[in-house]
Amino acid sequence: MTEEPTLHSSFLHRYPIASFYILALALGAGTVYLVVKGVLPAVLALASALSASIAGIIMTAVEDGRAGLKLMLSRLLIWRVGIGYWLFAILILVPAILLGSVVNPLFNGDSISFGNMKSALGILPMFIGFFIVAGLGQELGWTGFLIPRLQVRFGALTSCFIRAILGAIWHLPLLLYSRLQPQALADFPYTGWIAQKGFLVAIVTMTLLFLLPWSIFHSWIYNNTKSRLLVAILHGSEIWVA
């Protein structure tokens, strides 16, 4: 006799995208909440970024089983994609940050300070950390699980727009907690940026002018290379912002 599906398993299979997002949001916001309440140390605030990939791995196992997980992880090994894609993934944020730093003072924000820039040897360990936490910690969810399923239903550009909106909401708990209780997240890499003048303008700008292009960049690289490794490196290039 066939076992009747449970309510939660039925929901997961019928609404995989919604299930992924609810799980990612709950894990991410829950981690930040525990940090702010002092249950977890502040250094673990960045662990909330892992929630997207954890949710993606769980939902891939639910949807596609062991074969799906094997395919997801195998695309982390694709690295022969051409030097142009590598340069794009590593350096694309540099001109964007320079342009933003020029515009920021026009909105009563802080200008760029070259005196605080780190040397190449200082940046490398941080880049590796961001690649692991922000890149691998998120993109097995956003690009590994969400985008392929969205593109089947909506096409590439619309899928990028949906990811941008979902990503903005997913980031809000960490950004708002960092703004309202900076002492609780003193070790968080973006604390200085979050505390600067013009933060509210920066949030709106990030949502409208950063997350959508950022989503397009990730999808463009993945659709052309099938390399989740390079997508993770692109996400790790956020180190230029920190």
C-alpha atoms as a PDB file:
ATOM      1  CA  MET A   1       0.000   0.000   0.000  1.00  0.00           C
ATOM      2  CA  THR A   2       1.368   3.441  -0.968  1.00  0.00           C
ATOM      3  CA  GLU A   3       1.997   5.766   1.939  1.00  0.00           C
ATOM      4  CA  GLU A   4      -0.020   8.975   1.820  1.00  0.00           C
ATOM      5  CA  PRO A   5       2.192  12.082   1.494  1.00  0.00           C
ATOM      6  CA  THR A   6       2.306  14.286   4.549  1.00  0.00           C
ATOM      7  CA  LEU A   7       1.120  17.894   4.391  1.00  0.00           C
ATOM      8  CA  HIS A   8       4.620  19.338   4.641  1.00  0.00           C
ATOM      9  CA  SER A   9       6.092  16.994   2.009  1.00  0.00           C
ATOM     10  CA  SER A  10       3.207  17.793  -0.320  1.00  0.00           C
ATOM     11  CA  PHE A  11       3.841  21.527   0.111  1.00  0.00           C
ATOM     12  CA  LEU A  12       7.583  21.113  -0.556  1.00  0.00           C
ATOM     13  CA  HIS A  13       6.971  19.283  -3.828  1.00  0.00           C
ATOM     14  CA  ARG A  14       4.122  21.487  -5.006  1.00  0.00           C
ATOM     15  CA  TYR A  15       5.809  24.784  -4.141  1.00  0.00           C
ATOM     16  CA  PRO A  16       9.595  24.188  -4.281  1.00  0.00           C
ATOM     17  CA  ILE A  17      10.486  27.841  -4.948  1.00  0.00           C
ATOM     18  CA  ALA A  18       8.340  29.126  -2.080  1.00  0.00           C
ATOM     19  CA  SER A  19       9.667  26.353   0.181  1.00  0.00           C
ATOM     20  CA  PHE A  20      13.257  27.248  -0.658  1.00  0.00           C
ATOM     21  CA  TYR A  21      12.710  30.915   0.065  1.00  0.00           C
ATOM     22  CA  ILE A  22      10.825  30.407   3.320  1.00  0.00           C
ATOM     23  CA  LEU A  23      13.563  28.087   4.551  1.00  0.00           C
ATOM     24  CA  ALA A  24      16.376  30.463   3.513  1.00  0.00           C
ATOM     25  CA  LEU A  25      14.653  33.443   5.123  1.00  0.00           C
ATOM     26  CA  ALA A  26      13.907  31.579   8.345  1.00  0.00           C
ATOM     27  CA  LEU A  27      17.464  30.273   8.718  1.00  0.00           C
ATOM     28  CA  GLY A  28      19.077  33.618   7.855  1.00  0.00           C
ATOM     29  CA  ALA A  29      16.838  35.868   9.950  1.00  0.00           C
ATOM     30  CA  GLY A  30      16.874  33.348  12.789  1.00  0.00           C
ATOM     31  CA  THR A  31      20.663  33.365  12.959  1.00  0.00           C
ATOM     32  CA  VAL A  32      20.815  37.172  13.023  1.00  0.00           C
ATOM     33  CA  TYR A  33      18.134  37.299  15.722  1.00  0.00           C
ATOM     34  CA  LEU A  34      20.116  34.901  17.940  1.00  0.00           C
ATOM     35  CA  VAL A  35      23.231  37.057  17.477  1.00  0.00           C
ATOM     36  CA  VAL A  36      21.404  40.251  18.399  1.00  0.00           C
ATOM     37  CA  LYS A  37      19.910  38.561  21.479  1.00  0.00           C
ATOM     38  CA  GLY A  38      23.351  37.416  22.584  1.00  0.00           C
ATOM     39  CA  VAL A  39      22.653  33.706  22.190  1.00  0.00           C
ATOM     40  CA  LEU A  40      25.315  33.456  19.472  1.00  0.00           C
ATOM     41  CA  PRO A  41      28.562  35.495  19.291  1.00  0.00           C
ATOM     42  CA  ALA A  42      28.622  38.480  16.918  1.00  0.00           C
ATOM     43  CA  VAL A  43      31.252  36.830  14.730  1.00  0.00           C
ATOM     44  CA  LEU A  44      28.615  34.309  13.651  1.00  0.00           C
ATOM     45  CA  ALA A  45      26.348  36.989  12.169  1.00  0.00           C
ATOM     46  CA  LEU A  46      27.867  36.354   8.769  1.00  0.00           C
ATOM     47  CA  ALA A  47      26.868  32.699   9.096  1.00  0.00           C
ATOM     48  CA  SER A  48      23.362  33.846   8.221  1.00  0.00           C
ATOM     49  CA  ALA A  49      24.614  34.058   4.616  1.00  0.00           C
ATOM     50  CA  LEU A  50      24.906  30.271   4.569  1.00  0.00           C
ATOM     51  CA  SER A  51      21.134  29.972   4.832  1.00  0.00           C
ATOM     52  CA  ALA A  52      20.581  30.344   1.078  1.00  0.00           C
ATOM     53  CA  SER A  53      22.875  27.467   0.125  1.00  0.00           C
ATOM     54  CA  ILE A  54      21.647  25.289   2.986  1.00  0.00           C
ATOM     55  CA  ALA A  55      18.089  25.798   1.783  1.00  0.00           C
ATOM     56  CA  GLY A  56      19.161  25.122  -1.807  1.00  0.00           C
ATOM     57  CA  ILE A  57      20.893  21.877  -0.868  1.00  0.00           C
ATOM     58  CA  ILE A  58      17.925  20.683   1.180  1.00  0.00           C
ATOM     59  CA  MET A  59      15.418  21.484  -1.554  1.00  0.00           C
ATOM     60  CA  THR A  60      17.604  19.929  -4.263  1.00  0.00           C
ATOM     61  CA  ALA A  61      17.703  16.729  -2.206  1.00  0.00           C
ATOM     62  CA  VAL A  62      13.914  16.856  -1.820  1.00  0.00           C
ATOM     63  CA  GLU A  63      13.274  17.591  -5.504  1.00  0.00           C
ATOM     64  CA  ASP A  64      16.041  15.732  -7.338  1.00  0.00           C
ATOM     65  CA  GLY A  65      17.541  13.317  -4.823  1.00  0.00           C
ATOM     66  CA  ARG A  66      21.153  12.180  -4.835  1.00  0.00           C
ATOM     67  CA  ALA A  67      21.557  12.615  -8.598  1.00  0.00           C
ATOM     68  CA  GLY A  68      20.481  16.257  -8.351  1.00  0.00           C
ATOM     69  CA  LEU A  69      22.913  16.951  -5.523  1.00  0.00           C
ATOM     70  CA  LYS A  70      25.725  15.312  -7.486  1.00  0.00           C
ATOM     71  CA  LEU A  71      24.987  17.506 -10.506  1.00  0.00           C
ATOM     72  CA  MET A  72      24.786  20.648  -8.356  1.00  0.00           C
ATOM     73  CA  LEU A  73      28.144  19.991  -6.725  1.00  0.00           C
ATOM     74  CA  SER A  74      29.838  18.844  -9.939  1.00  0.00           C
ATOM     75  CA  ARG A  75      29.326  22.284 -11.443  1.00  0.00           C
ATOM     76  CA  LEU A  76      31.530  23.713  -8.700  1.00  0.00           C
ATOM     77  CA  LEU A  77      34.419  21.992 -10.513  1.00  0.00           C
ATOM     78  CA  ILE A  78      33.907  23.772 -13.843  1.00  0.00           C
ATOM     79  CA  TRP A  79      36.749  26.286 -14.155  1.00  0.00           C
ATOM     80  CA  ARG A  80      37.845  26.257 -17.806  1.00  0.00           C
ATOM     81  CA  VAL A  81      35.548  29.021 -18.991  1.00  0.00           C
ATOM     82  CA  GLY A  82      37.843  31.628 -20.549  1.00  0.00           C
ATOM     83  CA  ILE A  83      39.917  34.436 -19.057  1.00  0.00           C
ATOM     84  CA  GLY A  84      37.294  37.066 -19.885  1.00  0.00           C
ATOM     85  CA  TYR A  85      34.717  35.486 -17.575  1.00  0.00           C
ATOM     86  CA  TRP A  86      37.304  35.238 -14.802  1.00  0.00           C
ATOM     87  CA  LEU A  87      38.265  38.904 -15.065  1.00  0.00           C
ATOM     88  CA  PHE A  88      34.610  39.908 -15.131  1.00  0.00           C
ATOM     89  CA  ALA A  89      33.815  37.847 -12.025  1.00  0.00           C
ATOM     90  CA  ILE A  90      36.717  39.210  -9.998  1.00  0.00           C
ATOM     91  CA  LEU A  91      36.823  42.873 -11.047  1.00  0.00           C
ATOM     92  CA  ILE A  92      33.360  43.958 -12.205  1.00  0.00           C
ATOM     93  CA  LEU A  93      32.543  45.665  -8.877  1.00  0.00           C
ATOM     94  CA  VAL A  94      35.624  47.905  -8.880  1.00  0.00           C
ATOM     95  CA  PRO A  95      34.331  50.505 -11.389  1.00  0.00           C
ATOM     96  CA  ALA A  96      30.857  50.311  -9.845  1.00  0.00           C
ATOM     97  CA  ILE A  97      32.240  51.096  -6.377  1.00  0.00           C
ATOM     98  CA  LEU A  98      34.343  53.997  -7.667  1.00  0.00           C
ATOM     99  CA  LEU A  99      31.318  55.479  -9.411  1.00  0.00           C
ATOM    100  CA  GLY A 100      29.156  55.031  -6.303  1.00  0.00           C
ATOM    101  CA  SER A 101      31.785  56.724  -4.141  1.00  0.00           C
ATOM    102  CA  VAL A 102      31.723  59.752  -6.441  1.00  0.00           C
ATOM    103  CA  VAL A 103      27.926  59.988  -6.304  1.00  0.00           C
ATOM    104  CA  ASN A 104      27.504  59.271  -2.568  1.00  0.00           C
ATOM    105  CA  PRO A 105      28.616  62.748  -1.319  1.00  0.00           C
ATOM    106  CA  LEU A 106      25.924  64.306  -3.510  1.00  0.00           C
ATOM    107  CA  PHE A 107      23.392  62.722  -1.136  1.00  0.00           C
ATOM    108  CA  ASN A 108      25.248  63.887   1.992  1.00  0.00           C
ATOM    109  CA  GLY A 109      27.013  60.536   2.240  1.00  0.00           C
ATOM    110  CA  ASP A 110      30.662  59.746   2.930  1.00  0.00           C
ATOM    111  CA  SER A 111      33.217  59.951   0.137  1.00  0.00           C
ATOM    112  CA  ILE A 112      35.757  57.245  -0.645  1.00  0.00           C
ATOM    113  CA  SER A 113      38.852  57.062   1.554  1.00  0.00           C
ATOM    114  CA  PHE A 114      41.901  55.599  -0.169  1.00  0.00           C
ATOM    115  CA  GLY A 115      43.817  55.678   3.101  1.00  0.00           C
ATOM    116  CA  ASN A 116      41.773  52.772   4.442  1.00  0.00           C
ATOM    117  CA  MET A 117      42.461  50.458   1.503  1.00  0.00           C
ATOM    118  CA  LYS A 118      44.270  47.210   2.223  1.00  0.00           C
ATOM    119  CA  SER A 119      47.215  45.764   0.341  1.00  0.00           C
ATOM    120  CA  ALA A 120      46.812  42.860  -2.065  1.00  0.00           C
ATOM    121  CA  LEU A 121      48.143  40.469   0.596  1.00  0.00           C
ATOM    122  CA  GLY A 122      45.556  41.819   3.029  1.00  0.00           C
ATOM    123  CA  ILE A 123      42.721  41.473   0.542  1.00  0.00           C
ATOM    124  CA  LEU A 124      43.468  37.871  -0.505  1.00  0.00           C
ATOM    125  CA  PRO A 125      42.476  36.164   2.792  1.00  0.00           C
ATOM    126  CA  MET A 126      39.310  38.273   2.928  1.00  0.00           C
ATOM    127  CA  PHE A 127      38.509  37.386  -0.676  1.00  0.00           C
ATOM    128  CA  ILE A 128      38.850  33.682   0.136  1.00  0.00           C
ATOM    129  CA  GLY A 129      36.579  34.151   3.155  1.00  0.00           C
ATOM    130  CA  PHE A 130      33.960  35.976   1.111  1.00  0.00           C
ATOM    131  CA  PHE A 131      34.177  33.347  -1.621  1.00  0.00           C
ATOM    132  CA  ILE A 132      33.393  30.642   0.947  1.00  0.00           C
ATOM    133  CA  VAL A 133      30.766  32.470   3.021  1.00  0.00           C
ATOM    134  CA  ALA A 134      29.079  34.790   0.525  1.00  0.00           C
ATOM    135  CA  GLY A 135      29.809  32.827  -2.659  1.00  0.00           C
ATOM    136  CA  LEU A 136      29.467  29.170  -1.747  1.00  0.00           C
ATOM    137  CA  GLY A 137      27.241  30.109   1.189  1.00  0.00           C
ATOM    138  CA  GLN A 138      24.597  31.704  -1.041  1.00  0.00           C
ATOM    139  CA  GLU A 139      24.929  30.682  -4.667  1.00  0.00           C
ATOM    140  CA  LEU A 140      24.115  27.002  -4.266  1.00  0.00           C
ATOM    141  CA  GLY A 141      20.739  28.421  -3.312  1.00  0.00           C
ATOM    142  CA  TRP A 142      20.189  31.481  -5.504  1.00  0.00           C
ATOM    143  CA  THR A 143      21.877  30.253  -8.698  1.00  0.00           C
ATOM    144  CA  GLY A 144      22.038  26.555  -7.935  1.00  0.00           C
ATOM    145  CA  PHE A 145      18.390  26.029  -7.044  1.00  0.00           C
ATOM    146  CA  LEU A 146      16.290  29.160  -7.572  1.00  0.00           C
ATOM    147  CA  ILE A 147      17.385  30.581 -10.933  1.00  0.00           C
ATOM    148  CA  PRO A 148      17.165  27.356 -13.000  1.00  0.00           C
ATOM    149  CA  ARG A 149      13.602  26.791 -11.793  1.00  0.00           C
ATOM    150  CA  LEU A 150      12.563  30.391 -12.311  1.00  0.00           C
ATOM    151  CA  GLN A 151      14.000  30.444 -15.824  1.00  0.00           C
ATOM    152  CA  VAL A 152      11.898  27.451 -16.841  1.00  0.00           C
ATOM    153  CA  ARG A 153       8.758  29.393 -15.973  1.00  0.00           C
ATOM    154  CA  PHE A 154       9.599  33.046 -16.572  1.00  0.00           C
ATOM    155  CA  GLY A 155      12.681  33.385 -18.751  1.00  0.00           C
ATOM    156  CA  ALA A 156      16.082  34.816 -17.845  1.00  0.00           C
ATOM    157  CA  LEU A 157      15.398  38.532 -17.340  1.00  0.00           C
ATOM    158  CA  THR A 158      12.171  38.133 -15.369  1.00  0.00           C
ATOM    159  CA  SER A 159      13.885  35.500 -13.218  1.00  0.00           C
ATOM    160  CA  CYS A 160      16.665  37.981 -12.424  1.00  0.00           C
ATOM    161  CA  PHE A 161      14.096  40.574 -11.383  1.00  0.00           C
ATOM    162  CA  ILE A 162      12.361  38.064  -9.072  1.00  0.00           C
ATOM    163  CA  ARG A 163      15.696  37.059  -7.550  1.00  0.00           C
ATOM    164  CA  ALA A 164      16.550  40.726  -6.933  1.00  0.00           C
ATOM    165  CA  ILE A 165      13.298  41.324  -5.034  1.00  0.00           C
ATOM    166  CA  LEU A 166      13.616  38.123  -3.007  1.00  0.00           C
ATOM    167  CA  GLY A 167      17.277  38.891  -2.305  1.00  0.00           C
ATOM    168  CA  ALA A 168      16.473  42.395  -1.064  1.00  0.00           C
ATOM    169  CA  ILE A 169      13.936  41.023   1.425  1.00  0.00           C
ATOM    170  CA  TRP A 170      16.337  38.261   2.478  1.00  0.00           C
ATOM    171  CA  HIS A 171      19.078  40.838   3.236  1.00  0.00           C
ATOM    172  CA  LEU A 172      16.877  43.160   5.288  1.00  0.00           C
ATOM    173  CA  PRO A 173      17.085  41.414   8.705  1.00  0.00           C
ATOM    174  CA  LEU A 174      20.886  41.564   8.759  1.00  0.00           C
ATOM    175  CA  LEU A 175      21.042  45.129   7.445  1.00  0.00           C
ATOM    176  CA  LEU A 176      18.377  46.455   9.822  1.00  0.00           C
ATOM    177  CA  TYR A 177      19.750  44.669  12.885  1.00  0.00           C
ATOM    178  CA  SER A 178      23.222  45.983  12.041  1.00  0.00           C
ATOM    179  CA  ARG A 179      21.847  49.508  11.739  1.00  0.00           C
ATOM    180  CA  LEU A 180      19.742  49.482  14.901  1.00  0.00           C
ATOM    181  CA  GLN A 181      22.138  47.543  17.127  1.00  0.00           C
ATOM    182  CA  PRO A 182      25.669  48.074  15.784  1.00  0.00           C
ATOM    183  CA  GLN A 183      27.225  47.003  19.072  1.00  0.00           C
ATOM    184  CA  ALA A 184      25.687  43.542  18.684  1.00  0.00           C
ATOM    185  CA  LEU A 185      27.328  43.082  15.274  1.00  0.00           C
ATOM    186  CA  ALA A 186      30.595  44.892  15.874  1.00  0.00           C
ATOM    187  CA  ASP A 187      32.613  42.231  14.029  1.00  0.00           C
ATOM    188  CA  PHE A 188      30.419  42.210  10.946  1.00  0.00           C
ATOM    189  CA  PRO A 189      32.484  43.324   7.880  1.00  0.00           C
ATOM    190  CA  TYR A 190      29.837  45.755   6.558  1.00  0.00           C
ATOM    191  CA  THR A 191      29.286  47.584   9.851  1.00  0.00           C
ATOM    192  CA  GLY A 192      31.191  50.679   8.726  1.00  0.00           C
ATOM    193  CA  TRP A 193      29.237  50.920   5.498  1.00  0.00           C
ATOM    194  CA  ILE A 194      25.925  50.401   7.286  1.00  0.00           C
ATOM    195  CA  ALA A 195      26.740  53.091   9.864  1.00  0.00           C
ATOM    196  CA  GLN A 196      27.674  55.744   7.305  1.00  0.00           C
ATOM    197  CA  LYS A 197      25.600  58.775   6.461  1.00  0.00           C
ATOM    198  CA  GLY A 198      23.144  58.269   3.647  1.00  0.00           C
ATOM    199  CA  PHE A 199      22.419  54.655   4.602  1.00  0.00           C
ATOM    200  CA  LEU A 200      18.697  54.786   3.777  1.00  0.00           C
ATOM    201  CA  VAL A 201      19.489  56.191   0.353  1.00  0.00           C
ATOM    202  CA  ALA A 202      22.076  53.447  -0.029  1.00  0.00           C
ATOM    203  CA  ILE A 203      19.467  50.763   0.750  1.00  0.00           C
ATOM    204  CA  VAL A 204      17.083  52.073  -1.881  1.00  0.00           C
ATOM    205  CA  THR A 205      19.921  52.419  -4.360  1.00  0.00           C
ATOM    206  CA  MET A 206      21.148  48.900  -3.612  1.00  0.00           C
ATOM    207  CA  THR A 207      17.694  47.451  -4.214  1.00  0.00           C
ATOM    208  CA  LEU A 208      16.963  49.348  -7.407  1.00  0.00           C
ATOM    209  CA  LEU A 209      20.387  49.748  -8.993  1.00  0.00           C
ATOM    210  CA  PHE A 210      22.573  46.987  -7.534  1.00  0.00           C
ATOM    211  CA  LEU A 211      20.610  43.816  -6.840  1.00  0.00           C
ATOM    212  CA  LEU A 212      18.987  43.647 -10.269  1.00  0.00           C
ATOM    213  CA  PRO A 213      22.261  44.074 -12.228  1.00  0.00           C
ATOM    214  CA  TRP A 214      23.925  41.769  -9.693  1.00  0.00           C
ATOM    215  CA  SER A 215      21.285  39.106 -10.380  1.00  0.00           C
ATOM    216  CA  ILE A 216      21.744  39.582 -14.131  1.00  0.00           C
ATOM    217  CA  PHE A 217      25.521  39.199 -13.812  1.00  0.00           C
ATOM    218  CA  HIS A 218      25.177  35.942 -11.889  1.00  0.00           C
ATOM    219  CA  SER A 219      22.639  34.487 -14.302  1.00  0.00           C
ATOM    220  CA  TRP A 220      24.638  35.633 -17.337  1.00  0.00           C
ATOM    221  CA  ILE A 221      27.803  33.936 -16.115  1.00  0.00           C
ATOM    222  CA  TYR A 222      25.975  30.765 -15.120  1.00  0.00           C
ATOM    223  CA  ASN A 223      23.943  30.509 -18.323  1.00  0.00           C
ATOM    224  CA  ASN A 224      27.083  30.939 -20.428  1.00  0.00           C
ATOM    225  CA  THR A 225      29.517  28.795 -18.438  1.00  0.00           C
ATOM    226  CA  LYS A 226      27.407  26.452 -16.265  1.00  0.00           C
ATOM    227  CA  SER A 227      30.109  27.066 -13.644  1.00  0.00           C
ATOM    228  CA  ARG A 228      28.838  27.535 -10.124  1.00  0.00           C
ATOM    229  CA  LEU A 229      32.455  28.009  -9.097  1.00  0.00           C
ATOM    230  CA  LEU A 230      32.694  31.206 -11.129  1.00  0.00           C
ATOM    231  CA  VAL A 231      29.319  32.403  -9.861  1.00  0.00           C
ATOM    232  CA  ALA A 232      30.574  31.929  -6.299  1.00  0.00           C
ATOM    233  CA  ILE A 233      33.759  33.854  -7.130  1.00  0.00           C
ATOM    234  CA  LEU A 234      31.667  36.680  -8.578  1.00  0.00           C
ATOM    235  CA  HIS A 235      29.689  36.837  -5.343  1.00  0.00           C
ATOM    236  CA  GLY A 236      32.925  36.699  -3.360  1.00  0.00           C
ATOM    237  CA  SER A 237      34.111  39.806  -5.208  1.00  0.00           C
ATOM    238  CA  GLU A 238      31.884  41.746  -2.788  1.00  0.00           C
ATOM    239  CA  ILE A 239      35.110  42.020  -0.824  1.00  0.00           C
ATOM    240  CA  TRP A 240      35.714  45.248  -2.758  1.00  0.00           C
ATOM    241  CA  VAL A 241      32.707  46.733  -0.914  1.00  0.00           C
ATOM    242  CA  ALA A 242      33.688  45.630   2.597  1.00  0.00           C
END
